[in-house]
């Protein structure tokens, strides 16, 4: 038995009377039906569960007992109250399967997580995490898919002046490919040597306390996709490190490991451009504190980052790329009502939000999102607000707007794109 196997055996749950570790809070439990069987599919957004894990819905009913308060023996006694006789040893083996699958917040999971994160942090290149899922992992298949998508008819929005920035979605391309095309098509003829990417972070909040008080995270890793490697501007990252005390930009990059918001934009740039360019990758975490206190610690750091970007990258050779979606509504996201009952109000809100964004009205953006503490969960607000504060002498226009109605989940996501031209 290898050392790693020995370590796993040592750390996996193996006690009838010890209180069991709770189910990990970040894991999503999604009801599905397969061949008339009612199942629960466990999805791990952070990617620690390498293999899919599915349980019969009746067995999954045990999951609320994994709250840190029950032992194997306690669960078995509880089942007996409902005339369900389960052998304790079989129940323990079931718990060990959950633990081995990294569903539980256990010593084994913490050990595995540390190994994964340390391995990633030592790496010099960030591998793709969406290849083979959201888009083809094969270079030829991906190129063919993108070539076909961009060959469809569609006008390129006109504008006075040079294109300086694009706000585009990071929705799964299988859902929003036509919106990506509308967003990225105007960039086809550009040849910037540098792209500053401000992108939504979906995971910084899960790494307490690494990113506490730090609204930004960058990385020195180059990004690999099936279409090649995009180099990171190391000098730009040096400057971010030098100003990190003011901007709250963390150099710890584990939030980048499983993040899709930068990667999904890169495949479109790689398809459209054949000239060399480097990027400055910046993830933007929650700016929730600003809803309560605009001039607080986070507000000052956002302003410092915006000032830094404005000073360093106002040149004609830098493009700003902002990655974010719009509203996330419905039962999947915590609303009591189905998403379809909210479509009209959300569209009205999105229109106000995008109107403020194209006018560069950062104050209005903040008041819209903060008034009721982000009621529609606008994930693109943090990077877009930062970009609007950083951009100068630009005017924007809406180039796409769409809605993904996930009817089975009674949920929906809206997304759109904004293009910014220089005014002088």
Protein backbone atom coordinates (compact mmCIF):
# COMPACT_ATOMS: atom_id res chain seq x y z
CA UNK A 1 0.00 0.00 0.00
CA UNK A 2 1.39 3.42 -0.97
CA UNK A 3 2.06 6.23 1.50
CA UNK A 4 -0.92 8.19 0.16
CA UNK A 5 -3.19 5.16 0.56
CA UNK A 6 -1.91 4.64 4.09
CA UNK A 7 -2.62 8.28 4.88
CA UNK A 8 -6.14 7.99 3.52
CA UNK A 9 -6.87 4.88 5.56
CA UNK A 10 -5.54 6.64 8.62
CA UNK A 11 -7.76 9.69 8.14
CA UNK A 12 -11.04 8.21 6.85
CA UNK A 13 -13.92 7.89 9.31
CA UNK A 14 -13.56 4.60 11.16
CA UNK A 15 -15.44 4.90 14.44
CA UNK A 16 -18.99 3.92 15.38
CA UNK A 17 -19.38 6.34 18.27
CA UNK A 18 -17.43 9.44 17.23
CA UNK A 19 -19.52 12.35 15.99
CA UNK A 20 -19.34 12.36 12.20
CA UNK A 21 -18.00 15.37 10.29
CA UNK A 22 -20.67 17.50 8.61
CA UNK A 23 -21.44 17.57 4.92
CA UNK A 24 -19.37 20.21 3.16
CA UNK A 25 -21.39 23.41 2.77
CA UNK A 26 -20.04 24.15 -0.71
CA UNK A 27 -21.39 20.96 -2.26
CA UNK A 28 -24.62 21.29 -4.25
CA UNK A 29 -27.27 18.55 -4.04
CA UNK A 30 -29.19 18.51 -7.34
CA UNK A 31 -32.31 16.34 -7.84
CA UNK A 32 -32.24 14.41 -11.13
CA UNK A 33 -34.30 11.65 -12.75
CA UNK A 34 -32.58 8.84 -14.64
CA UNK A 35 -34.45 5.89 -16.13
CA UNK A 36 -37.40 6.68 -13.85
CA UNK A 37 -35.19 6.65 -10.76
CA UNK A 38 -35.21 9.67 -8.45
CA UNK A 39 -31.60 10.53 -7.66
CA UNK A 40 -29.51 13.20 -5.99
CA UNK A 41 -26.43 14.36 -7.91
CA UNK A 42 -23.68 15.92 -5.83
CA UNK A 43 -21.86 18.74 -7.60
CA UNK A 44 -18.70 20.29 -6.19
CA UNK A 45 -18.04 23.76 -7.67
CA UNK A 46 -14.58 23.76 -6.10
CA UNK A 47 -13.56 20.60 -7.93
CA UNK A 48 -12.34 18.52 -5.00
CA UNK A 49 -14.71 15.69 -5.97
CA UNK A 50 -12.93 14.25 -8.97
CA UNK A 51 -15.62 11.68 -9.81
CA UNK A 52 -19.39 12.24 -10.05
CA UNK A 53 -21.30 11.04 -7.00
CA UNK A 54 -24.97 10.06 -7.12
CA UNK A 55 -27.30 8.63 -4.48
CA UNK A 56 -30.82 7.31 -4.54
CA UNK A 57 -33.06 10.08 -3.25
CA UNK A 58 -34.28 7.97 -0.32
CA UNK A 59 -30.71 7.31 0.82
CA UNK A 60 -29.89 10.98 0.36
CA UNK A 61 -32.58 11.75 2.94
CA UNK A 62 -29.94 10.80 5.51
CA UNK A 63 -27.82 13.81 4.57
CA UNK A 64 -29.38 16.23 7.14
CA UNK A 65 -27.97 13.94 9.85
CA UNK A 66 -24.47 14.79 8.66
CA UNK A 67 -24.37 18.00 10.70
CA UNK A 68 -21.66 17.20 13.24
CA UNK A 69 -24.16 16.01 15.85
CA UNK A 70 -24.59 12.30 15.02
CA UNK A 71 -22.33 9.26 15.14
CA UNK A 72 -22.83 6.10 13.07
CA UNK A 73 -24.47 4.54 16.11
CA UNK A 74 -26.75 7.56 16.57
CA UNK A 75 -27.90 7.39 12.95
CA UNK A 76 -28.52 3.68 13.25
CA UNK A 77 -30.62 4.19 16.38
CA UNK A 78 -32.56 6.94 14.61
CA UNK A 79 -33.28 4.61 11.67
CA UNK A 80 -34.59 1.94 14.03
CA UNK A 81 -37.24 4.38 15.21
CA UNK A 82 -38.64 4.22 11.68
CA UNK A 83 -38.44 0.42 11.49
CA UNK A 84 -35.38 0.54 9.26
CA UNK A 85 -32.85 -2.06 10.25
CA UNK A 86 -29.36 -1.36 8.91
CA UNK A 87 -26.22 -3.19 9.93
CA UNK A 88 -23.86 -0.78 11.72
CA UNK A 89 -20.87 -2.04 9.78
CA UNK A 90 -22.66 -1.44 6.48
CA UNK A 91 -23.62 2.04 7.63
CA UNK A 92 -20.01 2.77 8.54
CA UNK A 93 -18.89 1.63 5.08
CA UNK A 94 -21.45 3.97 3.53
CA UNK A 95 -20.10 6.86 5.60
CA UNK A 96 -16.57 5.96 4.52
CA UNK A 97 -17.69 6.10 0.88
CA UNK A 98 -19.00 9.61 1.46
CA UNK A 99 -15.76 10.57 3.15
CA UNK A 100 -13.59 9.03 0.44
CA UNK A 101 -15.58 10.95 -2.18
CA UNK A 102 -14.64 14.14 -0.27
CA UNK A 103 -18.21 15.05 0.57
CA UNK A 104 -17.57 15.46 4.31
CA UNK A 105 -15.66 18.21 6.09
CA UNK A 106 -13.35 15.62 7.58
CA UNK A 107 -9.64 15.20 8.37
CA UNK A 108 -9.29 13.25 5.10
CA UNK A 109 -10.91 16.06 3.08
CA UNK A 110 -8.76 18.75 4.73
CA UNK A 111 -5.61 16.73 4.01
CA UNK A 112 -6.63 16.19 0.38
CA UNK A 113 -7.60 19.85 -0.06
CA UNK A 114 -4.22 21.03 1.27
CA UNK A 115 -2.41 18.70 -1.11
CA UNK A 116 -4.44 19.95 -4.09
CA UNK A 117 -3.92 23.62 -3.24
CA UNK A 118 -0.21 23.26 -2.55
CA UNK A 119 0.31 21.42 -5.82
CA UNK A 120 -1.55 24.16 -7.70
CA UNK A 121 0.35 26.96 -6.00
CA UNK A 122 3.68 25.39 -6.99
CA UNK A 123 2.65 25.05 -10.64
CA UNK A 124 3.85 27.56 -13.24
CA UNK A 125 0.93 27.07 -15.65
CA UNK A 126 -2.77 27.00 -14.83
CA UNK A 127 -4.41 24.11 -16.69
CA UNK A 128 -7.92 24.47 -18.14
CA UNK A 129 -10.78 23.30 -15.93
CA UNK A 130 -13.69 23.80 -18.36
CA UNK A 131 -12.19 21.85 -21.30
CA UNK A 132 -14.18 18.71 -21.99
CA UNK A 133 -17.16 20.10 -20.10
CA UNK A 134 -18.23 23.59 -21.16
CA UNK A 135 -16.29 23.40 -24.42
CA UNK A 136 -14.41 20.70 -26.37
CA UNK A 137 -11.04 19.63 -24.99
CA UNK A 138 -9.77 18.80 -28.48
CA UNK A 139 -8.12 21.76 -30.24
CA UNK A 140 -9.62 20.94 -33.63
CA UNK A 141 -13.12 20.42 -32.27
CA UNK A 142 -12.95 23.67 -30.31
CA UNK A 143 -11.64 25.61 -33.30
CA UNK A 144 -14.36 24.16 -35.52
CA UNK A 145 -17.05 25.06 -32.98
CA UNK A 146 -15.85 28.65 -32.68
CA UNK A 147 -15.32 29.06 -36.42
CA UNK A 148 -18.89 27.94 -37.08
CA UNK A 149 -20.25 30.22 -34.38
CA UNK A 150 -18.44 33.33 -35.63
CA UNK A 151 -19.30 32.64 -39.26
CA UNK A 152 -22.98 33.26 -38.58
CA UNK A 153 -24.38 36.52 -39.84
CA UNK A 154 -24.28 39.39 -37.42
CA UNK A 155 -23.34 43.00 -37.64
CA UNK A 156 -20.44 44.44 -35.69
CA UNK A 157 -21.61 47.40 -33.57
CA UNK A 158 -20.22 50.66 -34.79
CA UNK A 159 -18.76 53.28 -32.49
CA UNK A 160 -16.76 56.43 -32.66
CA UNK A 161 -13.24 55.84 -31.49
CA UNK A 162 -11.09 52.91 -30.50
CA UNK A 163 -12.53 49.99 -28.54
CA UNK A 164 -11.14 50.19 -25.00
CA UNK A 165 -13.16 47.67 -22.99
CA UNK A 166 -15.62 44.80 -23.23
CA UNK A 167 -17.94 43.47 -20.55
CA UNK A 168 -18.97 39.95 -21.52
CA UNK A 169 -20.64 36.96 -19.84
CA UNK A 170 -18.97 33.88 -18.44
CA UNK A 171 -22.09 31.73 -18.74
CA UNK A 172 -21.48 28.18 -19.99
CA UNK A 173 -20.78 28.46 -23.76
CA UNK A 174 -23.15 25.56 -24.37
CA UNK A 175 -25.90 27.91 -23.23
CA UNK A 176 -24.74 31.35 -24.29
CA UNK A 177 -22.53 30.84 -27.34
CA UNK A 178 -24.47 33.29 -29.50
CA UNK A 179 -24.10 35.96 -26.81
CA UNK A 180 -20.35 35.36 -26.69
CA UNK A 181 -20.21 35.85 -30.45
CA UNK A 182 -22.13 39.13 -30.21
CA UNK A 183 -19.81 40.28 -27.44
CA UNK A 184 -16.45 39.28 -28.91
CA UNK A 185 -17.00 39.80 -32.64
CA UNK A 186 -16.11 43.52 -32.48
CA UNK A 187 -12.67 42.57 -31.10
CA UNK A 188 -11.70 40.55 -34.18
CA UNK A 189 -9.60 43.28 -35.79
CA UNK A 190 -7.86 44.52 -32.65
CA UNK A 191 -4.19 43.89 -31.88
CA UNK A 192 -3.54 45.02 -28.29
CA UNK A 193 -0.33 43.77 -26.74
CA UNK A 194 -1.92 43.60 -23.28
CA UNK A 195 -5.33 42.63 -21.87
CA UNK A 196 -6.29 43.54 -18.33
CA UNK A 197 -8.90 41.00 -17.25
CA UNK A 198 -11.17 41.88 -14.34
CA UNK A 199 -13.27 38.82 -13.59
CA UNK A 200 -15.81 37.66 -11.06
CA UNK A 201 -14.39 35.39 -8.37
CA UNK A 202 -16.82 32.68 -7.31
CA UNK A 203 -14.46 31.14 -4.75
CA UNK A 204 -12.45 33.75 -2.86
CA UNK A 205 -15.03 33.75 -0.07
CA UNK A 206 -14.53 30.01 0.42
CA UNK A 207 -10.87 30.39 1.41
CA UNK A 208 -11.20 32.01 4.83
CA UNK A 209 -9.08 33.72 6.04
CA UNK A 210 -6.75 34.00 3.03
CA UNK A 211 -8.74 36.69 1.23
CA UNK A 212 -10.28 38.47 4.19
CA UNK A 213 -10.02 42.21 3.54
CA UNK A 214 -8.55 41.52 0.10
CA UNK A 215 -11.03 42.18 -2.71
CA UNK A 216 -8.58 41.23 -5.50
CA UNK A 217 -6.41 38.24 -6.40
CA UNK A 218 -3.88 37.92 -9.19
CA UNK A 219 -1.57 35.12 -10.31
CA UNK A 220 1.79 34.75 -12.03
CA UNK A 221 0.71 31.54 -13.77
CA UNK A 222 0.30 31.48 -17.52
CA UNK A 223 -3.09 30.10 -18.62
CA UNK A 224 -3.33 27.03 -20.83
CA UNK A 225 -6.33 26.13 -22.99
CA UNK A 226 -6.66 23.66 -25.89
CA UNK A 227 -5.79 26.58 -28.18
CA UNK A 228 -2.45 27.29 -26.52
CA UNK A 229 -0.92 29.23 -23.64
CA UNK A 230 -1.65 32.85 -22.78
CA UNK A 231 1.29 34.51 -21.06
CA UNK A 232 0.88 36.68 -17.98
CA UNK A 233 2.51 40.13 -17.97
CA UNK A 234 4.96 39.53 -15.12
CA UNK A 235 5.99 43.18 -14.89
CA UNK A 236 2.35 44.13 -14.40
CA UNK A 237 2.02 41.53 -11.64
CA UNK A 238 5.18 42.94 -10.03
CA UNK A 239 3.46 46.33 -9.86
CA UNK A 240 0.34 44.77 -8.37
CA UNK A 241 2.48 43.13 -5.72
CA UNK A 242 4.21 46.44 -4.97
CA UNK A 243 0.86 48.16 -4.44
CA UNK A 244 -0.90 45.24 -2.73
CA UNK A 245 -1.01 46.97 0.68
CA UNK A 246 -3.13 49.76 -0.83
CA UNK A 247 -5.22 47.81 -3.33
CA UNK A 248 -5.86 44.69 -1.28
CA UNK A 249 -4.61 42.49 -4.11
CA UNK A 250 -3.58 39.05 -2.86
CA UNK A 251 -0.72 37.20 -4.48
CA UNK A 252 -2.05 33.88 -3.17
CA UNK A 253 -3.73 32.43 -6.20
CA UNK A 254 -5.65 29.35 -5.08
CA UNK A 255 -8.93 31.10 -5.97
CA UNK A 256 -7.80 30.85 -9.62
CA UNK A 257 -7.50 27.05 -9.61
CA UNK A 258 -11.09 26.15 -10.37
CA UNK A 259 -12.36 29.54 -11.57
CA UNK A 260 -13.97 29.66 -15.01
CA UNK A 261 -14.53 33.40 -15.43
CA UNK A 262 -11.11 34.15 -16.99
CA UNK A 263 -10.63 30.88 -18.85
CA UNK A 264 -13.88 31.12 -20.80
CA UNK A 265 -12.92 34.54 -22.16
CA UNK A 266 -9.47 33.42 -23.25
CA UNK A 267 -10.66 30.82 -25.76
CA UNK A 268 -12.51 33.55 -27.68
CA UNK A 269 -9.48 35.86 -27.73
CA UNK A 270 -7.26 32.98 -28.84
CA UNK A 271 -9.66 32.13 -31.65
CA UNK A 272 -9.99 35.70 -32.92
CA UNK A 273 -6.39 36.86 -32.60
CA UNK A 274 -3.21 35.50 -34.11
CA UNK A 275 -0.90 38.16 -32.69
CA UNK A 276 1.03 37.72 -29.42
CA UNK A 277 -0.43 39.37 -26.33
CA UNK A 278 -0.05 39.13 -22.58
CA UNK A 279 -2.67 39.45 -19.90
CA UNK A 280 -3.03 40.83 -16.38
CA UNK A 281 -5.45 38.43 -14.63
CA UNK A 282 -7.34 39.92 -11.67
CA UNK A 283 -10.18 38.20 -9.87
CA UNK A 284 -12.56 40.47 -7.98
CA UNK A 285 -14.26 39.11 -4.87
CA UNK A 286 -17.32 40.34 -3.04
CA UNK A 287 -17.67 44.08 -2.50
CA UNK A 288 -20.53 43.54 -0.06
CA UNK A 289 -19.01 45.82 2.57
CA UNK A 290 -19.55 48.74 0.19
CA UNK A 291 -23.32 48.26 0.40
CA UNK A 292 -23.08 49.35 4.03
CA UNK A 293 -20.04 51.62 3.96
CA UNK A 294 -18.89 52.98 0.62
CA UNK A 295 -15.89 54.76 2.15
CA UNK A 296 -14.79 51.80 4.28
CA UNK A 297 -11.70 49.61 3.97
CA UNK A 298 -12.90 47.72 0.88
CA UNK A 299 -14.10 50.92 -0.78
CA UNK A 300 -10.68 52.53 -0.34
CA UNK A 301 -8.94 49.46 -1.76
CA UNK A 302 -11.22 49.33 -4.78
CA UNK A 303 -10.56 53.01 -5.40
CA UNK A 304 -6.80 52.41 -5.10
CA UNK A 305 -6.97 49.53 -7.58
CA UNK A 306 -9.02 51.61 -10.02
CA UNK A 307 -6.52 54.47 -9.75
CA UNK A 308 -3.63 52.07 -10.35
CA UNK A 309 -5.27 50.59 -13.46
CA UNK A 310 -6.21 54.03 -14.77
CA UNK A 311 -2.64 55.30 -14.35
CA UNK A 312 -0.87 52.27 -15.80
CA UNK A 313 -3.22 51.12 -18.56
CA UNK A 314 -4.91 54.14 -20.08
CA UNK A 315 -2.74 53.66 -23.16
CA UNK A 316 -3.97 52.65 -26.61
CA UNK A 317 -2.20 49.29 -26.43
CA UNK A 318 -4.25 47.85 -23.55
CA UNK A 319 -7.74 46.36 -23.75
CA UNK A 320 -9.88 45.91 -20.63
CA UNK A 321 -11.88 42.69 -20.56
CA UNK A 322 -14.52 42.39 -17.82
CA UNK A 323 -16.05 38.99 -17.08
CA UNK A 324 -19.42 38.76 -15.35
CA UNK A 325 -23.02 37.67 -15.65
CA UNK A 326 -26.09 39.53 -14.40
CA UNK A 327 -28.97 38.25 -12.25
CA UNK A 328 -29.17 34.82 -10.58
CA UNK A 329 -32.74 34.14 -9.51
CA UNK A 330 -35.09 31.34 -8.49
CA UNK A 331 -35.08 28.46 -6.08
CA UNK A 332 -31.57 27.26 -6.96
CA UNK A 333 -30.24 30.59 -5.70
CA UNK A 334 -32.33 30.85 -2.55
CA UNK A 335 -35.48 32.63 -3.72
CA UNK A 336 -38.80 31.30 -2.46
CA UNK A 337 -40.56 31.88 -5.78
CA UNK A 338 -39.81 30.25 -9.15
CA UNK A 339 -37.64 32.35 -11.46
CA UNK A 340 -40.37 32.74 -14.09
CA UNK A 341 -42.43 34.85 -11.66
CA UNK A 342 -39.54 37.34 -11.49
CA UNK A 343 -38.62 37.75 -15.16
CA UNK A 344 -40.32 41.12 -15.71
CA UNK A 345 -38.88 42.79 -12.59
CA UNK A 346 -35.41 41.38 -13.26
CA UNK A 347 -35.38 42.61 -16.85
CA UNK A 348 -36.30 46.09 -15.63
CA UNK A 349 -33.51 45.96 -13.07
CA UNK A 350 -30.98 44.69 -15.62
CA UNK A 351 -31.90 47.51 -17.99
CA UNK A 352 -31.26 50.08 -15.26
CA UNK A 353 -28.00 48.36 -14.33
CA UNK A 354 -26.70 48.22 -17.90
CA UNK A 355 -27.82 51.79 -18.58
CA UNK A 356 -25.78 53.00 -15.59
CA UNK A 357 -22.83 50.92 -16.77
CA UNK A 358 -22.78 52.27 -20.33
CA UNK A 359 -22.96 55.81 -18.94
CA UNK A 360 -20.04 55.08 -16.61
CA UNK A 361 -22.16 55.96 -13.59
CA UNK A 362 -20.44 53.93 -10.86
CA UNK A 363 -22.47 55.63 -8.14
CA UNK A 364 -25.70 54.46 -9.72
CA UNK A 365 -24.33 50.92 -10.13
CA UNK A 366 -23.52 50.77 -6.43
CA UNK A 367 -26.86 52.22 -5.34
CA UNK A 368 -28.81 49.81 -7.56
CA UNK A 369 -27.04 46.73 -6.25
CA UNK A 370 -26.63 47.91 -2.69
CA UNK A 371 -30.10 49.33 -2.10
CA UNK A 372 -31.53 45.94 -1.10
CA UNK A 373 -28.17 44.20 -0.60
CA UNK A 374 -27.89 42.68 -4.08
CA UNK A 375 -31.37 41.09 -4.28
CA UNK A 376 -30.75 39.59 -7.73
CA UNK A 377 -27.15 38.43 -7.08
CA UNK A 378 -25.45 40.37 -9.89
CA UNK A 379 -22.17 38.45 -10.01
CA UNK A 380 -20.67 40.83 -12.57
CA UNK A 381 -21.05 43.87 -10.34
CA UNK A 382 -17.63 43.71 -8.56
CA UNK A 383 -15.45 43.57 -11.71
CA UNK A 384 -17.68 45.94 -13.67
CA UNK A 385 -17.78 48.53 -10.89
CA UNK A 386 -13.98 48.37 -10.59
CA UNK A 387 -13.59 48.76 -14.36
CA UNK A 388 -16.01 51.69 -14.58
CA UNK A 389 -14.00 53.45 -11.86
CA UNK A 390 -10.78 52.75 -13.81
CA UNK A 391 -11.91 53.68 -17.32
CA UNK A 392 -11.88 57.27 -18.51
CA UNK A 393 -13.03 59.06 -21.67
CA UNK A 394 -15.17 56.15 -22.84
CA UNK A 395 -18.79 55.60 -23.75
CA UNK A 396 -20.56 52.26 -23.76
CA UNK A 397 -23.30 50.47 -25.65
CA UNK A 398 -25.26 47.27 -25.01
CA UNK A 399 -24.38 44.59 -27.57
CA UNK A 400 -26.34 41.62 -26.21
CA UNK A 401 -28.80 40.56 -23.53
CA UNK A 402 -30.19 37.11 -22.84
CA UNK A 403 -31.75 34.87 -20.21
CA UNK A 404 -31.14 31.22 -19.43
CA UNK A 405 -34.35 29.70 -18.08
CA UNK A 406 -33.38 26.57 -16.16
CA UNK A 407 -36.94 25.35 -15.84
CA UNK A 408 -36.17 22.07 -14.08
CA UNK A 409 -34.54 24.02 -11.26
CA UNK A 410 -37.13 26.83 -11.41
CA UNK A 411 -34.14 29.16 -11.72
CA UNK A 412 -32.61 31.51 -14.26
CA UNK A 413 -29.51 33.56 -15.06
CA UNK A 414 -29.46 36.73 -17.14
CA UNK A 415 -26.36 37.86 -18.99
CA UNK A 416 -25.31 40.49 -21.47
CA UNK A 417 -22.41 42.39 -22.99
CA UNK A 418 -21.30 46.02 -23.11
CA UNK A 419 -18.76 47.55 -25.48
CA UNK A 420 -16.80 50.69 -24.59
CA UNK A 421 -15.21 53.06 -27.15
CA UNK A 422 -12.89 55.94 -26.47
CA UNK A 423 -14.51 59.34 -26.80
CA UNK A 424 -11.22 61.15 -27.41
